[in-house]
PDB file of all heavy atoms in Angstrom:
ATOM      1  N   HIS A   1      28.538 -14.460  18.206  1.00  0.00           N
ATOM      2  CA  HIS A   1      29.634 -13.662  17.664  1.00  0.00           C
ATOM      3  C   HIS A   1      29.209 -13.126  16.303  1.00  0.00           C
ATOM      4  O   HIS A   1      28.907 -13.911  15.399  1.00  0.00           O
ATOM      5  CB  HIS A   1      30.896 -14.514  17.540  1.00  0.00           C
ATOM      6  CG  HIS A   1      31.244 -15.196  18.818  1.00  0.00           C
ATOM      7  ND1 HIS A   1      32.086 -14.657  19.740  1.00  0.00           N
ATOM      8  CD2 HIS A   1      30.806 -16.369  19.339  1.00  0.00           C
ATOM      9  CE1 HIS A   1      32.177 -15.452  20.779  1.00  0.00           C
ATOM     10  NE2 HIS A   1      31.403 -16.505  20.564  1.00  0.00           N
ATOM     11  N   THR A   2      29.187 -11.805  16.156  1.00  0.00           N
ATOM     12  CA  THR A   2      28.770 -11.177  14.914  1.00  0.00           C
ATOM     13  C   THR A   2      29.994 -10.629  14.197  1.00  0.00           C
ATOM     14  O   THR A   2      30.753  -9.840  14.767  1.00  0.00           O
ATOM     15  CB  THR A   2      27.760 -10.052  15.188  1.00  0.00           C
ATOM     16  OG1 THR A   2      26.643 -10.614  15.892  1.00  0.00           O
ATOM     17  CG2 THR A   2      27.270  -9.422  13.900  1.00  0.00           C
ATOM     18  N   ALA A   3      30.182 -11.046  12.957  1.00  0.00           N
ATOM     19  CA  ALA A   3      31.337 -10.620  12.174  1.00  0.00           C
ATOM     20  C   ALA A   3      31.120  -9.234  11.601  1.00  0.00           C
ATOM     21  O   ALA A   3      30.007  -8.872  11.218  1.00  0.00           O
ATOM     22  CB  ALA A   3      31.590 -11.618  11.048  1.00  0.00           C
ATOM     23  N   SER A   4      32.197  -8.481  11.541  1.00  0.00           N
ATOM     24  CA  SER A   4      32.197  -7.174  10.915  1.00  0.00           C
ATOM     25  C   SER A   4      33.597  -6.931  10.352  1.00  0.00           C
ATOM     26  O   SER A   4      34.426  -6.289  10.986  1.00  0.00           O
ATOM     27  CB  SER A   4      31.810  -6.086  11.921  1.00  0.00           C
ATOM     28  OG  SER A   4      31.807  -4.817  11.291  1.00  0.00           O
ATOM     29  N   SER A   5      33.850  -7.508   9.185  1.00  0.00           N
ATOM     30  CA  SER A   5      35.160  -7.416   8.530  1.00  0.00           C
ATOM     31  C   SER A   5      36.280  -7.915   9.433  1.00  0.00           C
ATOM     32  O   SER A   5      37.331  -7.284   9.555  1.00  0.00           O
ATOM     33  CB  SER A   5      35.432  -5.990   8.062  1.00  0.00           C
ATOM     34  OG  SER A   5      34.497  -5.619   7.084  1.00  0.00           O
ATOM     35  N   ASP A   6      36.064  -9.083  10.063  1.00  0.00           N
ATOM     36  CA  ASP A   6      37.045  -9.681  10.964  1.00  0.00           C
ATOM     37  C   ASP A   6      37.930 -10.667  10.216  1.00  0.00           C
ATOM     38  O   ASP A   6      37.434 -11.480   9.434  1.00  0.00           O
ATOM     39  CB  ASP A   6      36.325 -10.424  12.098  1.00  0.00           C
ATOM     40  CG  ASP A   6      35.505  -9.491  12.969  1.00  0.00           C
ATOM     41  OD1 ASP A   6      36.090  -8.539  13.513  1.00  0.00           O
ATOM     42  OD2 ASP A   6      34.288  -9.723  13.101  1.00  0.00           O
ATOM     43  N   SER A   7      39.241 -10.645  10.503  1.00  0.00           N
ATOM     44  CA  SER A   7      40.144 -11.617   9.888  1.00  0.00           C
ATOM     45  C   SER A   7      39.874 -13.017  10.424  1.00  0.00           C
ATOM     46  O   SER A   7      40.105 -14.001   9.736  1.00  0.00           O
ATOM     47  CB  SER A   7      41.601 -11.230  10.112  1.00  0.00           C
ATOM     48  OG  SER A   7      41.890 -11.184  11.491  1.00  0.00           O
ATOM     49  N   SER A   8      39.387 -13.100  11.662  1.00  0.00           N
ATOM     50  CA  SER A   8      38.978 -14.381  12.240  1.00  0.00           C
ATOM     51  C   SER A   8      38.009 -14.110  13.378  1.00  0.00           C
ATOM     52  O   SER A   8      37.940 -13.002  13.893  1.00  0.00           O
ATOM     53  CB  SER A   8      40.181 -15.179  12.758  1.00  0.00           C
ATOM     54  OG  SER A   8      40.774 -14.524  13.855  1.00  0.00           O
ATOM     55  N   ILE A   9      37.279 -15.139  13.748  1.00  0.00           N
ATOM     56  CA  ILE A   9      36.451 -15.098  14.950  1.00  0.00           C
ATOM     57  C   ILE A   9      36.982 -16.193  15.854  1.00  0.00           C
ATOM     58  O   ILE A   9      36.951 -17.370  15.498  1.00  0.00           O
ATOM     59  CB  ILE A   9      34.964 -15.295  14.634  1.00  0.00           C
ATOM     60  CG1 ILE A   9      34.458 -14.090  13.827  1.00  0.00           C
ATOM     61  CG2 ILE A   9      34.161 -15.481  15.915  1.00  0.00           C
ATOM     62  CD1 ILE A   9      33.010 -14.162  13.431  1.00  0.00           C
ATOM     63  N   ASP A  10      37.513 -15.771  16.998  1.00  0.00           N
ATOM     64  CA  ASP A  10      38.082 -16.697  17.973  1.00  0.00           C
ATOM     65  C   ASP A  10      37.117 -16.869  19.136  1.00  0.00           C
ATOM     66  O   ASP A  10      36.671 -15.876  19.714  1.00  0.00           O
ATOM     67  CB  ASP A  10      39.410 -16.169  18.516  1.00  0.00           C
ATOM     68  CG  ASP A  10      40.499 -16.091  17.464  1.00  0.00           C
ATOM     69  OD1 ASP A  10      40.255 -16.528  16.317  1.00  0.00           O
ATOM     70  OD2 ASP A  10      41.586 -15.599  17.785  1.00  0.00           O
ATOM     71  N   ILE A  11      36.799 -18.099  19.464  1.00  0.00           N
ATOM     72  CA  ILE A  11      36.003 -18.404  20.643  1.00  0.00           C
ATOM     73  C   ILE A  11      36.961 -19.042  21.631  1.00  0.00           C
ATOM     74  O   ILE A  11      37.419 -20.167  21.437  1.00  0.00           O
ATOM     75  CB  ILE A  11      34.809 -19.309  20.307  1.00  0.00           C
ATOM     76  CG1 ILE A  11      33.910 -18.601  19.275  1.00  0.00           C
ATOM     77  CG2 ILE A  11      34.044 -19.668  21.566  1.00  0.00           C
ATOM     78  CD1 ILE A  11      32.766 -19.424  18.768  1.00  0.00           C
ATOM     79  N   THR A  12      37.310 -18.283  22.670  1.00  0.00           N
ATOM     80  CA  THR A  12      38.370 -18.693  23.600  1.00  0.00           C
ATOM     81  C   THR A  12      37.846 -19.031  24.988  1.00  0.00           C
ATOM     82  O   THR A  12      38.636 -19.303  25.889  1.00  0.00           O
ATOM     83  CB  THR A  12      39.433 -17.587  23.713  1.00  0.00           C
ATOM     84  OG1 THR A  12      38.805 -16.388  24.185  1.00  0.00           O
ATOM     85  CG2 THR A  12      40.093 -17.331  22.361  1.00  0.00           C
ATOM     86  N   SER A  13      36.535 -19.026  25.155  1.00  0.00           N
ATOM     87  CA  SER A  13      35.967 -19.443  26.435  1.00  0.00           C
ATOM     88  C   SER A  13      34.646 -20.150  26.184  1.00  0.00           C
ATOM     89  O   SER A  13      34.020 -19.983  25.142  1.00  0.00           O
ATOM     90  CB  SER A  13      35.753 -18.231  27.361  1.00  0.00           C
ATOM     91  OG  SER A  13      34.792 -17.359  26.810  1.00  0.00           O
ATOM     92  N   GLY A  14      34.244 -20.957  27.151  1.00  0.00           N
ATOM     93  CA  GLY A  14      32.970 -21.654  27.060  1.00  0.00           C
ATOM     94  C   GLY A  14      33.051 -23.074  26.545  1.00  0.00           C
ATOM     95  O   GLY A  14      32.091 -23.821  26.648  1.00  0.00           O
ATOM     96  N   ILE A  15      34.179 -23.463  25.945  1.00  0.00           N
ATOM     97  CA  ILE A  15      34.354 -24.853  25.510  1.00  0.00           C
ATOM     98  C   ILE A  15      35.054 -25.576  26.652  1.00  0.00           C
ATOM     99  O   ILE A  15      36.246 -25.393  26.883  1.00  0.00           O
ATOM    100  CB  ILE A  15      35.176 -24.953  24.219  1.00  0.00           C
ATOM    101  CG1 ILE A  15      34.531 -24.131  23.103  1.00  0.00           C
ATOM    102  CG2 ILE A  15      35.316 -26.417  23.790  1.00  0.00           C
ATOM    103  CD1 ILE A  15      35.373 -24.044  21.843  1.00  0.00           C
ATOM    104  N   ASP A  16      34.286 -26.360  27.387  1.00  0.00           N
ATOM    105  CA  ASP A  16      34.828 -27.032  28.573  1.00  0.00           C
ATOM    106  C   ASP A  16      34.038 -28.317  28.821  1.00  0.00           C
ATOM    107  O   ASP A  16      33.343 -28.797  27.926  1.00  0.00           O
ATOM    108  CB  ASP A  16      34.800 -26.090  29.782  1.00  0.00           C
ATOM    109  CG  ASP A  16      33.415 -25.515  30.058  1.00  0.00           C
ATOM    110  OD1 ASP A  16      32.399 -26.182  29.751  1.00  0.00           O
ATOM    111  OD2 ASP A  16      33.339 -24.392  30.582  1.00  0.00           O
ATOM    112  N   SER A  17      34.096 -28.849  30.001  1.00  0.00           N
ATOM    113  CA  SER A  17      33.424 -30.118  30.301  1.00  0.00           C
ATOM    114  C   SER A  17      31.956 -29.949  30.687  1.00  0.00           C
ATOM    115  O   SER A  17      31.306 -30.929  31.047  1.00  0.00           O
ATOM    116  CB  SER A  17      34.180 -30.850  31.411  1.00  0.00           C
ATOM    117  OG  SER A  17      34.175 -30.060  32.591  1.00  0.00           O
ATOM    118  N   THR A  18      31.419 -28.735  30.584  1.00  0.00           N
ATOM    119  CA  THR A  18      30.015 -28.514  30.944  1.00  0.00           C
ATOM    120  C   THR A  18      29.071 -29.328  30.068  1.00  0.00           C
ATOM    121  O   THR A  18      28.074 -29.860  30.547  1.00  0.00           O
ATOM    122  CB  THR A  18      29.665 -27.012  30.842  1.00  0.00           C
ATOM    123  OG1 THR A  18      30.566 -26.267  31.672  1.00  0.00           O
ATOM    124  CG2 THR A  18      28.234 -26.751  31.269  1.00  0.00           C
ATOM    125  N   TYR A  19      29.378 -29.427  28.770  1.00  0.00           N
ATOM    126  CA  TYR A  19      28.516 -30.144  27.830  1.00  0.00           C
ATOM    127  C   TYR A  19      29.329 -31.219  27.099  1.00  0.00           C
ATOM    128  O   TYR A  19      30.501 -31.008  26.795  1.00  0.00           O
ATOM    129  CB  TYR A  19      27.924 -29.181  26.796  1.00  0.00           C
ATOM    130  CG  TYR A  19      27.045 -28.131  27.415  1.00  0.00           C
ATOM    131  CD1 TYR A  19      27.549 -26.870  27.710  1.00  0.00           C
ATOM    132  CD2 TYR A  19      25.719 -28.396  27.725  1.00  0.00           C
ATOM    133  CE1 TYR A  19      26.755 -25.899  28.288  1.00  0.00           C
ATOM    134  CE2 TYR A  19      24.912 -27.437  28.304  1.00  0.00           C
ATOM    135  CZ  TYR A  19      25.436 -26.189  28.583  1.00  0.00           C
ATOM    136  OH  TYR A  19      24.653 -25.233  29.158  1.00  0.00           O
ATOM    137  N   PRO A  20      28.694 -32.338  26.770  1.00  0.00           N
ATOM    138  CA  PRO A  20      29.403 -33.378  26.021  1.00  0.00           C
ATOM    139  C   PRO A  20      29.514 -33.064  24.528  1.00  0.00           C
ATOM    140  O   PRO A  20      30.340 -33.634  23.825  1.00  0.00           O
ATOM    141  CB  PRO A  20      28.558 -34.630  26.249  1.00  0.00           C
ATOM    142  CG  PRO A  20      27.183 -34.104  26.498  1.00  0.00           C
ATOM    143  CD  PRO A  20      27.360 -32.779  27.191  1.00  0.00           C
ATOM    144  N   VAL A  21      28.662 -32.152  24.045  1.00  0.00           N
ATOM    145  CA  VAL A  21      28.624 -31.804  22.626  1.00  0.00           C
ATOM    146  C   VAL A  21      28.481 -30.292  22.502  1.00  0.00           C
ATOM    147  O   VAL A  21      27.728 -29.662  23.256  1.00  0.00           O
ATOM    148  CB  VAL A  21      27.430 -32.499  21.917  1.00  0.00           C
ATOM    149  CG1 VAL A  21      27.335 -32.092  20.459  1.00  0.00           C
ATOM    150  CG2 VAL A  21      27.527 -34.014  22.048  1.00  0.00           C
ATOM    151  N   TYR A  22      29.190 -29.717  21.525  1.00  0.00           N
ATOM    152  CA  TYR A  22      29.076 -28.293  21.218  1.00  0.00           C
ATOM    153  C   TYR A  22      28.713 -28.140  19.746  1.00  0.00           C
ATOM    154  O   TYR A  22      29.237 -28.867  18.898  1.00  0.00           O
ATOM    155  CB  TYR A  22      30.390 -27.563  21.519  1.00  0.00           C
ATOM    156  CG  TYR A  22      30.625 -27.418  22.994  1.00  0.00           C
ATOM    157  CD1 TYR A  22      31.175 -28.464  23.728  1.00  0.00           C
ATOM    158  CD2 TYR A  22      30.257 -26.262  23.666  1.00  0.00           C
ATOM    159  CE1 TYR A  22      31.366 -28.354  25.093  1.00  0.00           C
ATOM    160  CE2 TYR A  22      30.445 -26.138  25.037  1.00  0.00           C
ATOM    161  CZ  TYR A  22      30.996 -27.193  25.742  1.00  0.00           C
ATOM    162  OH  TYR A  22      31.172 -27.082  27.094  1.00  0.00           O
ATOM    163  N   GLU A  23      27.794 -27.220  19.468  1.00  0.00           N
ATOM    164  CA  GLU A  23      27.415 -26.915  18.096  1.00  0.00           C
ATOM    165  C   GLU A  23      27.713 -25.452  17.808  1.00  0.00           C
ATOM    166  O   GLU A  23      27.466 -24.590  18.645  1.00  0.00           O
ATOM    167  CB  GLU A  23      25.925 -27.162  17.847  1.00  0.00           C
ATOM    168  CG  GLU A  23      25.544 -28.599  17.729  1.00  0.00           C
ATOM    169  CD  GLU A  23      24.090 -28.787  17.341  1.00  0.00           C
ATOM    170  OE1 GLU A  23      23.319 -27.802  17.253  1.00  0.00           O
ATOM    171  OE2 GLU A  23      23.723 -29.955  17.126  1.00  0.00           O
ATOM    172  N   PHE A  24      28.213 -25.209  16.605  1.00  0.00           N
ATOM    173  CA  PHE A  24      28.473 -23.859  16.130  1.00  0.00           C
ATOM    174  C   PHE A  24      27.572 -23.650  14.915  1.00  0.00           C
ATOM    175  O   PHE A  24      27.692 -24.367  13.920  1.00  0.00           O
ATOM    176  CB  PHE A  24      29.951 -23.699  15.762  1.00  0.00           C
ATOM    177  CG  PHE A  24      30.852 -24.005  16.931  1.00  0.00           C
ATOM    178  CD1 PHE A  24      31.302 -25.301  17.158  1.00  0.00           C
ATOM    179  CD2 PHE A  24      31.219 -23.009  17.817  1.00  0.00           C
ATOM    180  CE1 PHE A  24      32.113 -25.596  18.236  1.00  0.00           C
ATOM    181  CE2 PHE A  24      32.035 -23.297  18.907  1.00  0.00           C
ATOM    182  CZ  PHE A  24      32.479 -24.591  19.120  1.00  0.00           C
ATOM    183  N   HIS A  25      26.658 -22.693  15.031  1.00  0.00           N
ATOM    184  CA  HIS A  25      25.714 -22.409  13.958  1.00  0.00           C
ATOM    185  C   HIS A  25      26.189 -21.170  13.207  1.00  0.00           C
ATOM    186  O   HIS A  25      26.419 -20.127  13.824  1.00  0.00           O
ATOM    187  CB  HIS A  25      24.315 -22.178  14.514  1.00  0.00           C
ATOM    188  CG  HIS A  25      23.701 -23.409  15.089  1.00  0.00           C
ATOM    189  ND1 HIS A  25      22.374 -23.715  14.929  1.00  0.00           N
ATOM    190  CD2 HIS A  25      24.218 -24.427  15.823  1.00  0.00           C
ATOM    191  CE1 HIS A  25      22.099 -24.858  15.530  1.00  0.00           C
ATOM    192  NE2 HIS A  25      23.208 -25.307  16.083  1.00  0.00           N
ATOM    193  N   PHE A  26      26.300 -21.296  11.899  1.00  0.00           N
ATOM    194  CA  PHE A  26      26.740 -20.201  11.033  1.00  0.00           C
ATOM    195  C   PHE A  26      25.525 -19.661  10.300  1.00  0.00           C
ATOM    196  O   PHE A  26      24.816 -20.419   9.636  1.00  0.00           O
ATOM    197  CB  PHE A  26      27.772 -20.702  10.026  1.00  0.00           C
ATOM    198  CG  PHE A  26      28.840 -21.543  10.667  1.00  0.00           C
ATOM    199  CD1 PHE A  26      28.872 -22.914  10.476  1.00  0.00           C
ATOM    200  CD2 PHE A  26      29.797 -20.968  11.478  1.00  0.00           C
ATOM    201  CE1 PHE A  26      29.844 -23.699  11.065  1.00  0.00           C
ATOM    202  CE2 PHE A  26      30.772 -21.744  12.087  1.00  0.00           C
ATOM    203  CZ  PHE A  26      30.794 -23.107  11.881  1.00  0.00           C
ATOM    204  N   VAL A  27      25.297 -18.363  10.411  1.00  0.00           N
ATOM    205  CA  VAL A  27      24.116 -17.747   9.817  1.00  0.00           C
ATOM    206  C   VAL A  27      24.565 -16.641   8.855  1.00  0.00           C
ATOM    207  O   VAL A  27      25.153 -15.637   9.281  1.00  0.00           O
ATOM    208  CB  VAL A  27      23.180 -17.172  10.901  1.00  0.00           C
ATOM    209  CG1 VAL A  27      21.927 -16.573  10.279  1.00  0.00           C
ATOM    210  CG2 VAL A  27      22.819 -18.250  11.923  1.00  0.00           C
ATOM    211  N   ASN A  28      24.299 -16.853   7.579  1.00  0.00           N
ATOM    212  CA  ASN A  28      24.581 -15.864   6.534  1.00  0.00           C
ATOM    213  C   ASN A  28      26.002 -15.319   6.590  1.00  0.00           C
ATOM    214  O   ASN A  28      26.226 -14.106   6.620  1.00  0.00           O
ATOM    215  CB  ASN A  28      23.560 -14.723   6.574  1.00  0.00           C
ATOM    216  CG  ASN A  28      22.176 -15.208   6.220  1.00  0.00           C
ATOM    217  OD1 ASN A  28      22.019 -16.101   5.399  1.00  0.00           O
ATOM    218  ND2 ASN A  28      21.166 -14.639   6.850  1.00  0.00           N
ATOM    219  N   ILE A  29      26.982 -16.210   6.583  1.00  0.00           N
ATOM    220  CA  ILE A  29      28.381 -15.808   6.551  1.00  0.00           C
ATOM    221  C   ILE A  29      28.688 -15.244   5.160  1.00  0.00           C
ATOM    222  O   ILE A  29      28.437 -15.894   4.144  1.00  0.00           O
ATOM    223  CB  ILE A  29      29.312 -17.002   6.860  1.00  0.00           C
ATOM    224  CG1 ILE A  29      28.998 -17.589   8.247  1.00  0.00           C
ATOM    225  CG2 ILE A  29      30.773 -16.600   6.721  1.00  0.00           C
ATOM    226  CD1 ILE A  29      29.240 -16.656   9.414  1.00  0.00           C
ATOM    227  N   HIS A  30      29.217 -14.036   5.133  1.00  0.00           N
ATOM    228  CA  HIS A  30      29.525 -13.339   3.877  1.00  0.00           C
ATOM    229  C   HIS A  30      30.999 -12.958   3.894  1.00  0.00           C
ATOM    230  O   HIS A  30      31.445 -12.280   4.819  1.00  0.00           O
ATOM    231  CB  HIS A  30      28.648 -12.089   3.742  1.00  0.00           C
ATOM    232  CG  HIS A  30      28.807 -11.376   2.449  1.00  0.00           C
ATOM    233  ND1 HIS A  30      28.245 -11.820   1.287  1.00  0.00           N
ATOM    234  CD2 HIS A  30      29.478 -10.245   2.139  1.00  0.00           C
ATOM    235  CE1 HIS A  30      28.552 -10.990   0.301  1.00  0.00           C
ATOM    236  NE2 HIS A  30      29.304 -10.022   0.803  1.00  0.00           N
ATOM    237  N   PRO A  31      31.778 -13.407   2.903  1.00  0.00           N
ATOM    238  CA  PRO A  31      33.209 -13.118   2.910  1.00  0.00           C
ATOM    239  C   PRO A  31      33.526 -11.730   2.369  1.00  0.00           C
ATOM    240  O   PRO A  31      32.778 -11.176   1.555  1.00  0.00           O
ATOM    241  CB  PRO A  31      33.773 -14.191   1.975  1.00  0.00           C
ATOM    242  CG  PRO A  31      32.677 -14.423   0.986  1.00  0.00           C
ATOM    243  CD  PRO A  31      31.391 -14.271   1.777  1.00  0.00           C
ATOM    244  N   GLY A  32      34.648 -11.196   2.788  1.00  0.00           N
ATOM    245  CA  GLY A  32      35.146  -9.955   2.228  1.00  0.00           C
ATOM    246  C   GLY A  32      35.868 -10.189   0.914  1.00  0.00           C
ATOM    247  O   GLY A  32      35.937  -9.304   0.062  1.00  0.00           O
ATOM    248  N   THR A  33      36.423 -11.393   0.734  1.00  0.00           N
ATOM    249  CA  THR A  33      37.159 -11.755  -0.476  1.00  0.00           C
ATOM    250  C   THR A  33      36.350 -12.780  -1.257  1.00  0.00           C
ATOM    251  O   THR A  33      35.871 -13.758  -0.687  1.00  0.00           O
ATOM    252  CB  THR A  33      38.540 -12.345  -0.103  1.00  0.00           C
ATOM    253  OG1 THR A  33      39.252 -11.372   0.659  1.00  0.00           O
ATOM    254  CG2 THR A  33      39.333 -12.711  -1.345  1.00  0.00           C
ATOM    255  N   ASN A  34      36.191 -12.548  -2.543  1.00  0.00           N
ATOM    256  CA  ASN A  34      35.411 -13.430  -3.394  1.00  0.00           C
ATOM    257  C   ASN A  34      36.001 -14.839  -3.431  1.00  0.00           C
ATOM    258  O   ASN A  34      37.218 -15.020  -3.375  1.00  0.00           O
ATOM    259  CB  ASN A  34      35.356 -12.856  -4.810  1.00  0.00           C
ATOM    260  CG  ASN A  34      34.236 -13.444  -5.629  1.00  0.00           C
ATOM    261  OD1 ASN A  34      33.131 -13.623  -5.135  1.00  0.00           O
ATOM    262  ND2 ASN A  34      34.509 -13.738  -6.870  1.00  0.00           N
ATOM    263  N   SER A  35      35.145 -15.826  -3.510  1.00  0.00           N
ATOM    264  CA  SER A  35      35.524 -17.236  -3.684  1.00  0.00           C
ATOM    265  C   SER A  35      36.378 -17.764  -2.551  1.00  0.00           C
ATOM    266  O   SER A  35      37.359 -18.477  -2.772  1.00  0.00           O
ATOM    267  CB  SER A  35      36.257 -17.440  -5.020  1.00  0.00           C
ATOM    268  OG  SER A  35      35.450 -17.069  -6.090  1.00  0.00           O
ATOM    269  N   THR A  36      36.013 -17.439  -1.306  1.00  0.00           N
ATOM    270  CA  THR A  36      36.715 -17.987  -0.162  1.00  0.00           C
ATOM    271  C   THR A  36      35.792 -18.930   0.600  1.00  0.00           C
ATOM    272  O   THR A  36      34.594 -19.000   0.341  1.00  0.00           O
ATOM    273  CB  THR A  36      37.259 -16.875   0.760  1.00  0.00           C
ATOM    274  OG1 THR A  36      36.207 -15.971   1.084  1.00  0.00           O
ATOM    275  CG2 THR A  36      38.386 -16.116   0.064  1.00  0.00           C
ATOM    276  N   ILE A  37      36.368 -19.659   1.561  1.00  0.00           N
ATOM    277  CA  ILE A  37      35.675 -20.765   2.207  1.00  0.00           C
ATOM    278  C   ILE A  37      35.779 -20.611   3.714  1.00  0.00           C
ATOM    279  O   ILE A  37      36.875 -20.410   4.248  1.00  0.00           O
ATOM    280  CB  ILE A  37      36.317 -22.105   1.773  1.00  0.00           C
ATOM    281  CG1 ILE A  37      36.287 -22.230   0.239  1.00  0.00           C
ATOM    282  CG2 ILE A  37      35.633 -23.291   2.441  1.00  0.00           C
ATOM    283  CD1 ILE A  37      37.263 -23.250  -0.312  1.00  0.00           C
ATOM    284  N   LEU A  38      34.649 -20.743   4.429  1.00  0.00           N
ATOM    285  CA  LEU A  38      34.686 -20.703   5.887  1.00  0.00           C
ATOM    286  C   LEU A  38      35.399 -21.957   6.394  1.00  0.00           C
ATOM    287  O   LEU A  38      35.108 -23.068   5.961  1.00  0.00           O
ATOM    288  CB  LEU A  38      33.286 -20.620   6.490  1.00  0.00           C
ATOM    289  CG  LEU A  38      33.273 -20.482   8.016  1.00  0.00           C
ATOM    290  CD1 LEU A  38      33.867 -19.143   8.457  1.00  0.00           C
ATOM    291  CD2 LEU A  38      31.860 -20.631   8.552  1.00  0.00           C
ATOM    292  N   SER A  39      36.333 -21.756   7.324  1.00  0.00           N
ATOM    293  CA  SER A  39      37.182 -22.845   7.823  1.00  0.00           C
ATOM    294  C   SER A  39      37.390 -22.703   9.322  1.00  0.00           C
ATOM    295  O   SER A  39      37.121 -21.648   9.884  1.00  0.00           O
ATOM    296  CB  SER A  39      38.540 -22.794   7.115  1.00  0.00           C
ATOM    297  OG  SER A  39      38.377 -22.827   5.715  1.00  0.00           O
ATOM    298  N   PHE A  40      37.888 -23.774   9.948  1.00  0.00           N
ATOM    299  CA  PHE A  40      38.156 -23.712  11.380  1.00  0.00           C
ATOM    300  C   PHE A  40      39.457 -24.422  11.713  1.00  0.00           C
ATOM    301  O   PHE A  40      39.953 -25.257  10.964  1.00  0.00           O
ATOM    302  CB  PHE A  40      36.999 -24.318  12.191  1.00  0.00           C
ATOM    303  CG  PHE A  40      37.014 -25.821  12.270  1.00  0.00           C
ATOM    304  CD1 PHE A  40      37.584 -26.469  13.363  1.00  0.00           C
ATOM    305  CD2 PHE A  40      36.457 -26.591  11.271  1.00  0.00           C
ATOM    306  CE1 PHE A  40      37.600 -27.858  13.451  1.00  0.00           C
ATOM    307  CE2 PHE A  40      36.467 -27.980  11.334  1.00  0.00           C
ATOM    308  CZ  PHE A  40      37.039 -28.615  12.431  1.00  0.00           C
ATOM    309  N   GLN A  41      39.997 -24.076  12.884  1.00  0.00           N
ATOM    310  CA  GLN A  41      41.116 -24.790  13.489  1.00  0.00           C
ATOM    311  C   GLN A  41      40.948 -24.613  14.994  1.00  0.00           C
ATOM    312  O   GLN A  41      40.263 -23.675  15.437  1.00  0.00           O
ATOM    313  CB  GLN A  41      42.435 -24.223  12.990  1.00  0.00           C
ATOM    314  CG  GLN A  41      43.748 -24.973  13.194  1.00  0.00           C
ATOM    315  CD  GLN A  41      43.785 -26.456  13.349  1.00  0.00           C
ATOM    316  OE1 GLN A  41      43.312 -26.949  14.342  1.00  0.00           O
ATOM    317  NE2 GLN A  41      44.399 -27.164  12.411  1.00  0.00           N
ATOM    318  N   VAL A  42      41.491 -25.499  15.773  1.00  0.00           N
ATOM    319  CA  VAL A  42      41.296 -25.506  17.229  1.00  0.00           C
ATOM    320  C   VAL A  42      42.637 -25.508  17.949  1.00  0.00           C
ATOM    321  O   VAL A  42      43.686 -25.724  17.334  1.00  0.00           O
ATOM    322  CB  VAL A  42      40.463 -26.729  17.679  1.00  0.00           C
ATOM    323  CG1 VAL A  42      39.067 -26.697  17.088  1.00  0.00           C
ATOM    324  CG2 VAL A  42      41.175 -28.022  17.325  1.00  0.00           C
TER     325      VAL A  42
END
């Protein structure tokens, strides 16, 4: 998933019982607003 001024990135498929562990790799995340923090909720 490549960000382009997105308010959020939603991953709504692929998280299932296929794998016992899932990893999300973040590469060069750059915010649009200064002094903000990458966060998640499920």
